[in-house]
Structure formats: structure tokens, C-alpha cells
Amino acid sequence: MELETEAWNMKNKQVGKRKGHLLLVPCPLQGHMNPMLHLATILYSHGFLITITETQPSSPVVFPPHRPDFLFESIDGLDNSPSEIFKGDVVTFLYTLNTKCKAPFHDCLSRIQTNSTQGPVTCIIHDAVMFFSVDVADDMKIPRIVLRTSSATNFYGLSLLKQKGDLLAIQGTVKHT
């Protein structure tokens, strides 16, 4: 990782010009990844160092290989890859992801914060469904921003479910293991 960071610094010659080091925590589902990668590209073009966490080693489906300007850090909290856990049950998938990734994310962030080559993280930008990062960011006193990748239709649908009283039925489907 250190050699990769040094190569990034040499290639971009922005070590002294960087505006900050941003750590992005995307949900490993394609509809969530695309907006996060678009945001990363925009922020990078404005001088920010971008590190993206991933819940599995670089999958060509999730992380295209043409992203040499970003650094990647793995969170090894899952026993299986996200695609093996998902199986169409979004609630269980997100519950598993959030319960198993908190400690590994803390370890990952601690490693980054002590790595003088790339500098400390100055802000965390996380997907709204990756709420394990909230406690870690707050605990380490790192500012955070939530990126909501859901559409207006999603919020409208949830509000209708809440009005009808069906939202609790959905929340009750989480299997606590």
C-alpha cells in the first residue's frame, strides 16, 4: 500500500497541493457505487486525495480497473463476499454488512490515520446505508458527510409505507444472528 501511495503522489505531484484526504465508504451494490465513484471523481479533480473502502478485494464489477487515481483499502469483516451474502434480501444483507464491518473499519481507519505517507483522513463520506461508519467517525472525531444514493421515489415509497403502518413489518424482517 505504501508503494502504491508513493506512486500516486509522484504521478499527481499534489502532495503539497492537496485540499484534504477523503475516505469514501460506499455500499457494495452497483446502484450505490456509481454515484459514489462519480462524487470521488469530482472531488479528486478539485485536489482531494481519495481513498475508497471496499468490503471485498477489488472486484472488477464493483471497482473498474481504470481507477488509478484512487487508493483502495479493504475492510475484511465479511465471512463471504457481498454477492454471496446478498441473495436478494436487502434488509438481512445491510444488517450483516453493518454488524460485521464496524470493527474492521475502525482498524482500517486507524491504519490510515497513522500512515504518514498518505496523511490522515480529514473527512469521511459514507453511503447512508453504511451506518457502521458513523460511530467510528464520531469516536475518532473525524467529520463525516452522508451521501444518499436513493431516488426521490424511494423516499416517497417509504413515506407511503409509514403512513400505512407497513414500515414496521419490513423492519421486523431482520434476522438477528
N, C-alpha and C. Protein backbone atom coordinates (compact mmCIF):
# COMPACT_ATOMS: atom_id res chain seq x y z
N MET A 1 0.82 -1.18 0.00
CA MET A 1 0.00 0.00 0.00
C MET A 1 0.87 1.25 0.00
N GLU A 2 1.97 1.24 0.74
CA GLU A 2 2.83 2.41 0.83
C GLU A 2 3.45 2.75 -0.53
N LEU A 3 3.90 1.73 -1.28
CA LEU A 3 4.46 1.97 -2.61
C LEU A 3 3.40 2.52 -3.55
N GLU A 4 2.18 2.00 -3.43
CA GLU A 4 1.08 2.48 -4.26
C GLU A 4 0.80 3.95 -3.98
N THR A 5 0.83 4.34 -2.72
CA THR A 5 0.59 5.73 -2.34
C THR A 5 1.71 6.63 -2.86
N GLU A 6 2.95 6.20 -2.71
CA GLU A 6 4.07 6.99 -3.22
C GLU A 6 3.98 7.16 -4.73
N ALA A 7 3.58 6.11 -5.44
CA ALA A 7 3.41 6.21 -6.89
C ALA A 7 2.31 7.20 -7.23
N TRP A 8 1.23 7.17 -6.46
CA TRP A 8 0.14 8.12 -6.67
C TRP A 8 0.64 9.55 -6.47
N ASN A 9 1.39 9.77 -5.38
CA ASN A 9 1.91 11.11 -5.09
C ASN A 9 2.84 11.60 -6.19
N MET A 10 3.71 10.72 -6.67
CA MET A 10 4.65 11.10 -7.72
C MET A 10 3.90 11.42 -9.02
N LYS A 11 2.94 10.58 -9.35
CA LYS A 11 2.20 10.75 -10.60
C LYS A 11 1.44 12.07 -10.61
N ASN A 12 0.82 12.40 -9.50
CA ASN A 12 -0.05 13.56 -9.46
C ASN A 12 0.61 14.82 -8.93
N LYS A 13 1.76 14.69 -8.27
CA LYS A 13 2.51 15.82 -7.75
C LYS A 13 1.62 16.80 -6.98
N GLN A 14 0.72 16.24 -6.19
CA GLN A 14 -0.20 17.08 -5.45
C GLN A 14 -0.01 16.96 -3.94
N VAL A 15 1.10 16.41 -3.51
CA VAL A 15 1.30 16.20 -2.08
C VAL A 15 1.13 17.52 -1.32
N GLY A 16 1.74 18.58 -1.81
CA GLY A 16 1.64 19.86 -1.14
C GLY A 16 0.38 20.63 -1.50
N LYS A 17 -0.28 20.27 -2.59
CA LYS A 17 -1.44 21.00 -3.09
C LYS A 17 -2.77 20.36 -2.67
N ARG A 18 -2.73 19.19 -2.09
CA ARG A 18 -3.96 18.50 -1.73
C ARG A 18 -4.80 19.34 -0.77
N LYS A 19 -6.09 19.31 -0.97
CA LYS A 19 -7.01 20.04 -0.11
C LYS A 19 -7.40 19.21 1.11
N GLY A 20 -7.21 17.92 1.05
CA GLY A 20 -7.58 17.04 2.15
C GLY A 20 -7.60 15.60 1.68
N HIS A 21 -7.72 14.71 2.65
CA HIS A 21 -7.76 13.28 2.37
C HIS A 21 -9.16 12.79 2.74
N LEU A 22 -9.91 12.37 1.74
CA LEU A 22 -11.28 11.92 1.94
C LEU A 22 -11.35 10.40 1.88
N LEU A 23 -12.06 9.83 2.83
CA LEU A 23 -12.28 8.38 2.86
C LEU A 23 -13.74 8.14 2.51
N LEU A 24 -13.98 7.43 1.41
CA LEU A 24 -15.33 7.14 0.96
C LEU A 24 -15.71 5.72 1.34
N VAL A 25 -16.92 5.58 1.87
CA VAL A 25 -17.41 4.27 2.32
C VAL A 25 -18.70 3.97 1.55
N PRO A 26 -18.56 3.36 0.37
CA PRO A 26 -19.74 3.06 -0.44
C PRO A 26 -20.38 1.73 -0.05
N CYS A 27 -21.66 1.61 -0.32
CA CYS A 27 -22.34 0.32 -0.19
C CYS A 27 -21.95 -0.50 -1.42
N PRO A 28 -21.61 -1.78 -1.24
CA PRO A 28 -21.12 -2.59 -2.38
C PRO A 28 -22.23 -3.11 -3.30
N LEU A 29 -23.17 -2.25 -3.61
CA LEU A 29 -24.19 -2.57 -4.60
C LEU A 29 -24.06 -1.56 -5.73
N GLN A 30 -24.21 -2.02 -6.97
CA GLN A 30 -23.91 -1.19 -8.13
C GLN A 30 -24.63 0.15 -8.13
N GLY A 31 -25.89 0.18 -7.76
CA GLY A 31 -26.65 1.44 -7.74
C GLY A 31 -26.15 2.43 -6.70
N HIS A 32 -25.40 1.94 -5.74
CA HIS A 32 -24.81 2.81 -4.73
C HIS A 32 -23.39 3.19 -5.11
N MET A 33 -22.70 2.28 -5.79
CA MET A 33 -21.30 2.52 -6.17
C MET A 33 -21.16 3.63 -7.20
N ASN A 34 -22.01 3.62 -8.21
CA ASN A 34 -21.88 4.59 -9.30
C ASN A 34 -21.92 6.04 -8.81
N PRO A 35 -22.90 6.44 -8.00
CA PRO A 35 -22.89 7.83 -7.53
C PRO A 35 -21.66 8.15 -6.67
N MET A 36 -21.22 7.18 -5.86
CA MET A 36 -20.05 7.41 -5.02
C MET A 36 -18.80 7.59 -5.87
N LEU A 37 -18.65 6.80 -6.92
CA LEU A 37 -17.49 6.93 -7.81
C LEU A 37 -17.54 8.23 -8.60
N HIS A 38 -18.73 8.66 -8.98
CA HIS A 38 -18.86 9.96 -9.66
C HIS A 38 -18.44 11.09 -8.71
N LEU A 39 -18.91 11.02 -7.47
CA LEU A 39 -18.52 12.03 -6.49
C LEU A 39 -17.01 12.00 -6.26
N ALA A 40 -16.44 10.82 -6.16
CA ALA A 40 -14.99 10.69 -5.96
C ALA A 40 -14.22 11.35 -7.10
N THR A 41 -14.68 11.14 -8.32
CA THR A 41 -14.02 11.72 -9.49
C THR A 41 -14.07 13.24 -9.44
N ILE A 42 -15.21 13.79 -9.07
CA ILE A 42 -15.34 15.25 -8.98
C ILE A 42 -14.43 15.80 -7.87
N LEU A 43 -14.45 15.16 -6.72
CA LEU A 43 -13.62 15.64 -5.60
C LEU A 43 -12.13 15.53 -5.92
N TYR A 44 -11.75 14.44 -6.58
CA TYR A 44 -10.36 14.27 -6.99
C TYR A 44 -9.93 15.39 -7.94
N SER A 45 -10.82 15.74 -8.87
CA SER A 45 -10.49 16.79 -9.85
C SER A 45 -10.33 18.15 -9.18
N HIS A 46 -10.82 18.28 -7.94
CA HIS A 46 -10.67 19.52 -7.19
C HIS A 46 -9.54 19.44 -6.16
N GLY A 47 -8.69 18.43 -6.28
CA GLY A 47 -7.48 18.38 -5.47
C GLY A 47 -7.51 17.54 -4.22
N PHE A 48 -8.51 16.73 -4.03
CA PHE A 48 -8.58 15.89 -2.84
C PHE A 48 -7.95 14.52 -3.11
N LEU A 49 -7.27 13.99 -2.11
CA LEU A 49 -6.79 12.61 -2.16
C LEU A 49 -7.99 11.74 -1.80
N ILE A 50 -8.25 10.72 -2.59
CA ILE A 50 -9.42 9.87 -2.41
C ILE A 50 -8.99 8.46 -2.05
N THR A 51 -9.50 7.97 -0.92
CA THR A 51 -9.35 6.57 -0.56
C THR A 51 -10.75 5.99 -0.47
N ILE A 52 -10.95 4.85 -1.11
CA ILE A 52 -12.26 4.20 -1.10
C ILE A 52 -12.13 2.87 -0.37
N THR A 53 -13.02 2.65 0.59
CA THR A 53 -13.03 1.36 1.28
C THR A 53 -13.86 0.38 0.47
N GLU A 54 -13.49 -0.87 0.58
CA GLU A 54 -14.23 -1.93 -0.11
C GLU A 54 -14.39 -3.11 0.83
N THR A 55 -15.53 -3.77 0.73
CA THR A 55 -15.81 -4.89 1.62
C THR A 55 -15.34 -6.22 1.04
N GLN A 56 -14.74 -6.18 -0.11
CA GLN A 56 -14.12 -7.38 -0.70
C GLN A 56 -12.98 -6.87 -1.57
N PRO A 57 -11.96 -7.68 -1.80
CA PRO A 57 -10.87 -7.24 -2.68
C PRO A 57 -11.41 -6.81 -4.03
N SER A 58 -10.76 -5.85 -4.62
CA SER A 58 -11.23 -5.20 -5.85
C SER A 58 -11.91 -6.14 -6.82
N SER A 59 -13.19 -6.03 -6.86
CA SER A 59 -13.98 -6.80 -7.81
C SER A 59 -14.11 -5.98 -9.08
N PRO A 60 -13.80 -6.56 -10.25
CA PRO A 60 -13.89 -5.78 -11.48
C PRO A 60 -15.32 -5.28 -11.75
N VAL A 61 -16.32 -5.95 -11.17
CA VAL A 61 -17.69 -5.50 -11.36
C VAL A 61 -17.95 -4.24 -10.54
N VAL A 62 -17.47 -4.22 -9.29
CA VAL A 62 -17.71 -3.10 -8.40
C VAL A 62 -16.70 -1.99 -8.62
N PHE A 63 -15.42 -2.31 -8.67
CA PHE A 63 -14.37 -1.32 -8.86
C PHE A 63 -13.68 -1.54 -10.19
N PRO A 64 -14.06 -0.76 -11.20
CA PRO A 64 -13.40 -0.93 -12.50
C PRO A 64 -11.89 -0.70 -12.38
N PRO A 65 -11.10 -1.46 -13.15
CA PRO A 65 -9.64 -1.36 -13.04
C PRO A 65 -9.08 -0.02 -13.54
N HIS A 66 -9.88 0.81 -14.17
CA HIS A 66 -9.40 2.08 -14.69
C HIS A 66 -9.52 3.22 -13.67
N ARG A 67 -9.30 2.94 -12.42
CA ARG A 67 -9.36 3.95 -11.36
C ARG A 67 -8.00 4.12 -10.68
N PRO A 68 -6.96 4.42 -11.45
CA PRO A 68 -5.62 4.50 -10.87
C PRO A 68 -5.41 5.72 -9.97
N ASP A 69 -6.30 6.70 -10.02
CA ASP A 69 -6.12 7.90 -9.22
C ASP A 69 -6.62 7.75 -7.79
N PHE A 70 -7.32 6.67 -7.50
CA PHE A 70 -7.86 6.46 -6.17
C PHE A 70 -7.07 5.38 -5.44
N LEU A 71 -7.04 5.49 -4.13
CA LEU A 71 -6.45 4.45 -3.29
C LEU A 71 -7.60 3.59 -2.77
N PHE A 72 -7.34 2.32 -2.55
CA PHE A 72 -8.37 1.41 -2.06
C PHE A 72 -7.88 0.72 -0.80
N GLU A 73 -8.77 0.63 0.18
CA GLU A 73 -8.49 -0.08 1.44
C GLU A 73 -9.59 -1.11 1.63
N SER A 74 -9.20 -2.30 2.00
CA SER A 74 -10.15 -3.38 2.20
C SER A 74 -10.60 -3.45 3.66
N ILE A 75 -11.90 -3.68 3.83
CA ILE A 75 -12.47 -3.95 5.16
C ILE A 75 -12.78 -5.44 5.17
N ASP A 76 -12.05 -6.20 5.93
CA ASP A 76 -12.21 -7.65 5.91
C ASP A 76 -13.13 -8.13 7.02
N GLY A 77 -14.38 -7.65 7.03
CA GLY A 77 -15.29 -8.04 8.09
C GLY A 77 -16.28 -9.12 7.71
N LEU A 78 -16.38 -9.39 6.42
CA LEU A 78 -17.37 -10.36 5.98
C LEU A 78 -16.75 -11.73 5.78
N ASP A 79 -17.49 -12.75 6.19
CA ASP A 79 -17.02 -14.13 6.01
C ASP A 79 -17.08 -14.53 4.54
N ASN A 80 -18.05 -13.99 3.81
CA ASN A 80 -18.22 -14.26 2.39
C ASN A 80 -18.23 -12.94 1.64
N SER A 81 -18.14 -13.01 0.34
CA SER A 81 -18.21 -11.79 -0.47
C SER A 81 -19.63 -11.23 -0.38
N PRO A 82 -19.79 -9.92 -0.57
CA PRO A 82 -21.14 -9.33 -0.53
C PRO A 82 -22.12 -10.01 -1.48
N SER A 83 -21.65 -10.43 -2.66
CA SER A 83 -22.56 -11.08 -3.61
C SER A 83 -23.07 -12.42 -3.08
N GLU A 84 -22.27 -13.12 -2.27
CA GLU A 84 -22.71 -14.39 -1.68
C GLU A 84 -23.68 -14.16 -0.52
N ILE A 85 -23.54 -13.04 0.18
CA ILE A 85 -24.40 -12.73 1.31
C ILE A 85 -25.74 -12.18 0.84
N PHE A 86 -25.74 -11.39 -0.24
CA PHE A 86 -26.93 -10.64 -0.66
C PHE A 86 -28.14 -11.53 -0.90
N LYS A 87 -28.13 -12.38 -1.85
CA LYS A 87 -29.20 -13.34 -2.15
C LYS A 87 -30.59 -12.69 -2.21
N GLY A 88 -30.66 -11.42 -2.57
CA GLY A 88 -31.94 -10.74 -2.78
C GLY A 88 -32.60 -10.18 -1.54
N ASP A 89 -32.12 -10.49 -0.35
CA ASP A 89 -32.72 -9.99 0.89
C ASP A 89 -31.93 -8.77 1.36
N VAL A 90 -32.39 -7.59 0.96
CA VAL A 90 -31.66 -6.36 1.22
C VAL A 90 -31.53 -6.07 2.72
N VAL A 91 -32.59 -6.29 3.47
CA VAL A 91 -32.58 -5.97 4.90
C VAL A 91 -31.53 -6.82 5.63
N THR A 92 -31.54 -8.12 5.39
CA THR A 92 -30.56 -9.00 6.03
C THR A 92 -29.15 -8.68 5.57
N PHE A 93 -28.99 -8.38 4.28
CA PHE A 93 -27.68 -8.03 3.75
C PHE A 93 -27.12 -6.79 4.45
N LEU A 94 -27.92 -5.73 4.56
CA LEU A 94 -27.44 -4.50 5.19
C LEU A 94 -27.18 -4.69 6.68
N TYR A 95 -28.01 -5.49 7.33
CA TYR A 95 -27.80 -5.78 8.75
C TYR A 95 -26.46 -6.50 8.94
N THR A 96 -26.21 -7.52 8.13
CA THR A 96 -24.95 -8.27 8.20
C THR A 96 -23.76 -7.37 7.92
N LEU A 97 -23.87 -6.58 6.88
CA LEU A 97 -22.79 -5.68 6.49
C LEU A 97 -22.45 -4.71 7.63
N ASN A 98 -23.47 -4.13 8.23
CA ASN A 98 -23.24 -3.13 9.27
C ASN A 98 -22.78 -3.71 10.60
N THR A 99 -23.19 -4.92 10.93
CA THR A 99 -22.75 -5.50 12.19
C THR A 99 -21.34 -6.08 12.10
N LYS A 100 -20.97 -6.58 10.92
CA LYS A 100 -19.67 -7.23 10.80
C LYS A 100 -18.53 -6.32 10.34
N CYS A 101 -18.84 -5.14 9.86
CA CYS A 101 -17.78 -4.28 9.30
C CYS A 101 -17.32 -3.17 10.23
N LYS A 102 -17.99 -2.96 11.36
CA LYS A 102 -17.64 -1.85 12.24
C LYS A 102 -16.21 -1.96 12.78
N ALA A 103 -15.88 -3.08 13.40
CA ALA A 103 -14.53 -3.25 13.98
C ALA A 103 -13.44 -3.24 12.90
N PRO A 104 -13.62 -3.97 11.79
CA PRO A 104 -12.60 -3.90 10.74
C PRO A 104 -12.45 -2.50 10.14
N PHE A 105 -13.56 -1.75 10.05
CA PHE A 105 -13.48 -0.38 9.55
C PHE A 105 -12.68 0.49 10.51
N HIS A 106 -12.90 0.31 11.80
CA HIS A 106 -12.13 1.05 12.81
C HIS A 106 -10.64 0.75 12.66
N ASP A 107 -10.30 -0.53 12.50
CA ASP A 107 -8.90 -0.92 12.31
C ASP A 107 -8.32 -0.31 11.04
N CYS A 108 -9.08 -0.34 9.97
CA CYS A 108 -8.65 0.22 8.69
C CYS A 108 -8.39 1.73 8.82
N LEU A 109 -9.31 2.43 9.44
CA LEU A 109 -9.17 3.87 9.61
C LEU A 109 -7.99 4.21 10.53
N SER A 110 -7.79 3.42 11.55
CA SER A 110 -6.63 3.63 12.44
C SER A 110 -5.33 3.48 11.67
N ARG A 111 -5.26 2.47 10.79
CA ARG A 111 -4.08 2.27 9.95
C ARG A 111 -3.83 3.48 9.05
N ILE A 112 -4.88 3.97 8.43
CA ILE A 112 -4.74 5.11 7.53
C ILE A 112 -4.29 6.35 8.31
N GLN A 113 -4.85 6.55 9.49
CA GLN A 113 -4.53 7.75 10.28
C GLN A 113 -3.07 7.77 10.72
N THR A 114 -2.46 6.62 10.86
CA THR A 114 -1.06 6.58 11.31
C THR A 114 -0.07 6.48 10.15
N ASN A 115 -0.57 6.38 8.93
CA ASN A 115 0.29 6.28 7.75
C ASN A 115 0.68 7.67 7.29
N SER A 116 1.89 8.10 7.59
CA SER A 116 2.32 9.46 7.29
C SER A 116 2.48 9.71 5.79
N THR A 117 2.61 8.67 4.98
CA THR A 117 2.79 8.85 3.54
C THR A 117 1.56 9.47 2.88
N GLN A 118 0.38 8.96 3.21
CA GLN A 118 -0.82 9.49 2.59
C GLN A 118 -1.52 10.52 3.45
N GLY A 119 -1.10 10.68 4.67
CA GLY A 119 -1.70 11.68 5.55
C GLY A 119 -3.01 11.21 6.15
N PRO A 120 -3.42 11.86 7.22
CA PRO A 120 -4.65 11.44 7.90
C PRO A 120 -5.90 11.79 7.09
N VAL A 121 -6.95 11.04 7.35
CA VAL A 121 -8.24 11.31 6.73
C VAL A 121 -8.80 12.58 7.37
N THR A 122 -9.24 13.51 6.53
CA THR A 122 -9.80 14.77 7.04
C THR A 122 -11.32 14.77 7.04
N CYS A 123 -11.93 13.83 6.31
CA CYS A 123 -13.39 13.72 6.28
C CYS A 123 -13.77 12.35 5.73
N ILE A 124 -14.87 11.80 6.26
CA ILE A 124 -15.40 10.53 5.78
C ILE A 124 -16.72 10.82 5.07
N ILE A 125 -16.86 10.30 3.87
CA ILE A 125 -18.12 10.40 3.14
C ILE A 125 -18.65 8.98 3.02
N HIS A 126 -19.80 8.72 3.63
CA HIS A 126 -20.32 7.36 3.62
C HIS A 126 -21.72 7.30 3.06
N ASP A 127 -22.02 6.16 2.45
CA ASP A 127 -23.36 5.89 1.96
C ASP A 127 -24.28 5.84 3.18
N ALA A 128 -25.50 6.31 3.02
CA ALA A 128 -26.45 6.35 4.13
C ALA A 128 -26.70 4.98 4.74
N VAL A 129 -26.61 3.91 3.94
CA VAL A 129 -26.87 2.58 4.48
C VAL A 129 -25.65 1.95 5.14
N MET A 130 -24.51 2.61 5.08
CA MET A 130 -23.29 2.11 5.72
C MET A 130 -23.11 2.81 7.06
N PHE A 131 -24.10 2.65 7.94
CA PHE A 131 -24.13 3.41 9.18
C PHE A 131 -23.11 2.97 10.22
N PHE A 132 -22.42 1.85 10.00
CA PHE A 132 -21.36 1.45 10.93
C PHE A 132 -20.25 2.50 10.98
N SER A 133 -20.10 3.24 9.90
CA SER A 133 -19.03 4.24 9.84
C SER A 133 -19.32 5.46 10.72
N VAL A 134 -20.59 5.68 11.07
CA VAL A 134 -20.96 6.83 11.89
C VAL A 134 -20.28 6.78 13.26
N ASP A 135 -20.45 5.66 13.96
CA ASP A 135 -19.87 5.53 15.30
C ASP A 135 -18.34 5.63 15.26
N VAL A 136 -17.74 5.02 14.26
CA VAL A 136 -16.28 5.04 14.14
C VAL A 136 -15.79 6.47 13.89
N ALA A 137 -16.42 7.17 12.96
CA ALA A 137 -16.03 8.55 12.65
C ALA A 137 -16.21 9.44 13.88
N ASP A 138 -17.33 9.31 14.55
CA ASP A 138 -17.58 10.12 15.74
C ASP A 138 -16.59 9.79 16.85
N ASP A 139 -16.30 8.50 17.03
CA ASP A 139 -15.35 8.06 18.05
C ASP A 139 -13.95 8.62 17.80
N MET A 140 -13.56 8.68 16.52
CA MET A 140 -12.23 9.17 16.17
C MET A 140 -12.22 10.67 15.87
N LYS A 141 -13.38 11.30 16.08
CA LYS A 141 -13.52 12.76 15.90
C LYS A 141 -13.13 13.22 14.49
N ILE A 142 -13.62 12.47 13.51
CA ILE A 142 -13.39 12.81 12.11
C ILE A 142 -14.73 13.28 11.53
N PRO A 143 -14.76 14.45 10.92
CA PRO A 143 -16.02 14.91 10.32
C PRO A 143 -16.53 13.92 9.28
N ARG A 144 -17.85 13.87 9.12
CA ARG A 144 -18.42 12.93 8.17
C ARG A 144 -19.58 13.57 7.42
N ILE A 145 -19.78 13.07 6.22
CA ILE A 145 -20.87 13.52 5.36
C ILE A 145 -21.59 12.27 4.86
N VAL A 146 -22.92 12.32 4.82
CA VAL A 146 -23.72 11.20 4.34
C VAL A 146 -24.08 11.46 2.88
N LEU A 147 -23.87 10.47 2.03
CA LEU A 147 -24.30 10.53 0.65
C LEU A 147 -25.51 9.62 0.51
N ARG A 148 -26.64 10.22 0.17
CA ARG A 148 -27.85 9.44 -0.05
C ARG A 148 -27.96 9.14 -1.53
N THR A 149 -27.88 7.87 -1.87
CA THR A 149 -27.91 7.47 -3.27
C THR A 149 -29.31 7.06 -3.72
N SER A 150 -30.26 7.11 -2.82
CA SER A 150 -31.63 6.71 -3.16
C SER A 150 -32.32 7.82 -3.94
N SER A 151 -33.27 7.40 -4.74
CA SER A 151 -34.03 8.36 -5.54
C SER A 151 -35.19 8.93 -4.71
N ALA A 152 -35.80 9.97 -5.23
CA ALA A 152 -36.97 10.56 -4.58
C ALA A 152 -38.10 9.54 -4.50
N THR A 153 -38.18 8.66 -5.48
CA THR A 153 -39.21 7.63 -5.49
C THR A 153 -39.06 6.71 -4.28
N ASN A 154 -37.83 6.40 -3.91
CA ASN A 154 -37.57 5.56 -2.74
C ASN A 154 -38.13 6.21 -1.48
N PHE A 155 -37.85 7.49 -1.29
CA PHE A 155 -38.34 8.20 -0.11
C PHE A 155 -39.87 8.30 -0.12
N TYR A 156 -40.42 8.50 -1.28
CA TYR A 156 -41.88 8.57 -1.40
C TYR A 156 -42.49 7.21 -1.01
N GLY A 157 -41.91 6.13 -1.52
CA GLY A 157 -42.40 4.80 -1.18
C GLY A 157 -42.31 4.50 0.31
N LEU A 158 -41.19 4.89 0.92
CA LEU A 158 -41.05 4.67 2.37
C LEU A 158 -42.07 5.49 3.15
N SER A 159 -42.34 6.72 2.70
CA SER A 159 -43.32 7.55 3.41
C SER A 159 -44.72 6.94 3.29
N LEU A 160 -45.04 6.36 2.14
CA LEU A 160 -46.34 5.69 1.98
C LEU A 160 -46.44 4.48 2.90
N LEU A 161 -45.37 3.70 2.98
CA LEU A 161 -45.36 2.54 3.89
C LEU A 161 -45.54 2.97 5.34
N LYS A 162 -44.89 4.07 5.70
CA LYS A 162 -45.00 4.57 7.07
C LYS A 162 -46.43 5.02 7.36
N GLN A 163 -47.04 5.71 6.41
CA GLN A 163 -48.43 6.17 6.58
C GLN A 163 -49.38 4.98 6.74
N LYS A 164 -49.13 3.92 6.01
CA LYS A 164 -50.00 2.75 6.06
C LYS A 164 -49.67 1.85 7.26
N GLY A 165 -48.57 2.13 7.94
CA GLY A 165 -48.19 1.30 9.07
C GLY A 165 -47.43 0.06 8.69
N ASP A 166 -47.04 -0.09 7.42
CA ASP A 166 -46.34 -1.28 6.96
C ASP A 166 -44.83 -1.23 7.16
N LEU A 167 -44.31 -0.07 7.52
CA LEU A 167 -42.86 0.06 7.67
C LEU A 167 -42.34 -0.82 8.80
N LEU A 168 -43.10 -0.94 9.88
CA LEU A 168 -42.65 -1.78 10.98
C LEU A 168 -42.58 -3.24 10.56
N ALA A 169 -43.46 -3.67 9.69
CA ALA A 169 -43.42 -5.07 9.21
C ALA A 169 -42.12 -5.33 8.46
N ILE A 170 -41.66 -4.36 7.69
CA ILE A 170 -40.40 -4.51 6.97
C ILE A 170 -39.25 -4.55 7.95
N GLN A 171 -39.26 -3.64 8.92
CA GLN A 171 -38.17 -3.61 9.89
C GLN A 171 -38.13 -4.88 10.72
N GLY A 172 -39.25 -5.53 10.95
CA GLY A 172 -39.31 -6.74 11.74
C GLY A 172 -38.77 -7.97 11.02
N THR A 173 -38.41 -7.83 9.73
CA THR A 173 -37.93 -8.99 8.98
C THR A 173 -36.44 -9.24 9.18
N VAL A 174 -35.75 -8.36 9.89
CA VAL A 174 -34.31 -8.54 10.11
C VAL A 174 -34.10 -9.75 11.00
N LYS A 175 -33.24 -10.64 10.55
CA LYS A 175 -32.91 -11.83 11.33
C LYS A 175 -31.65 -11.54 12.14
N HIS A 176 -31.80 -11.51 13.44
CA HIS A 176 -30.65 -11.24 14.30
C HIS A 176 -29.90 -12.55 14.55
N THR A 177 -28.66 -12.61 14.05
CA THR A 177 -27.87 -13.84 14.20
C THR A 177 -26.76 -13.64 15.20
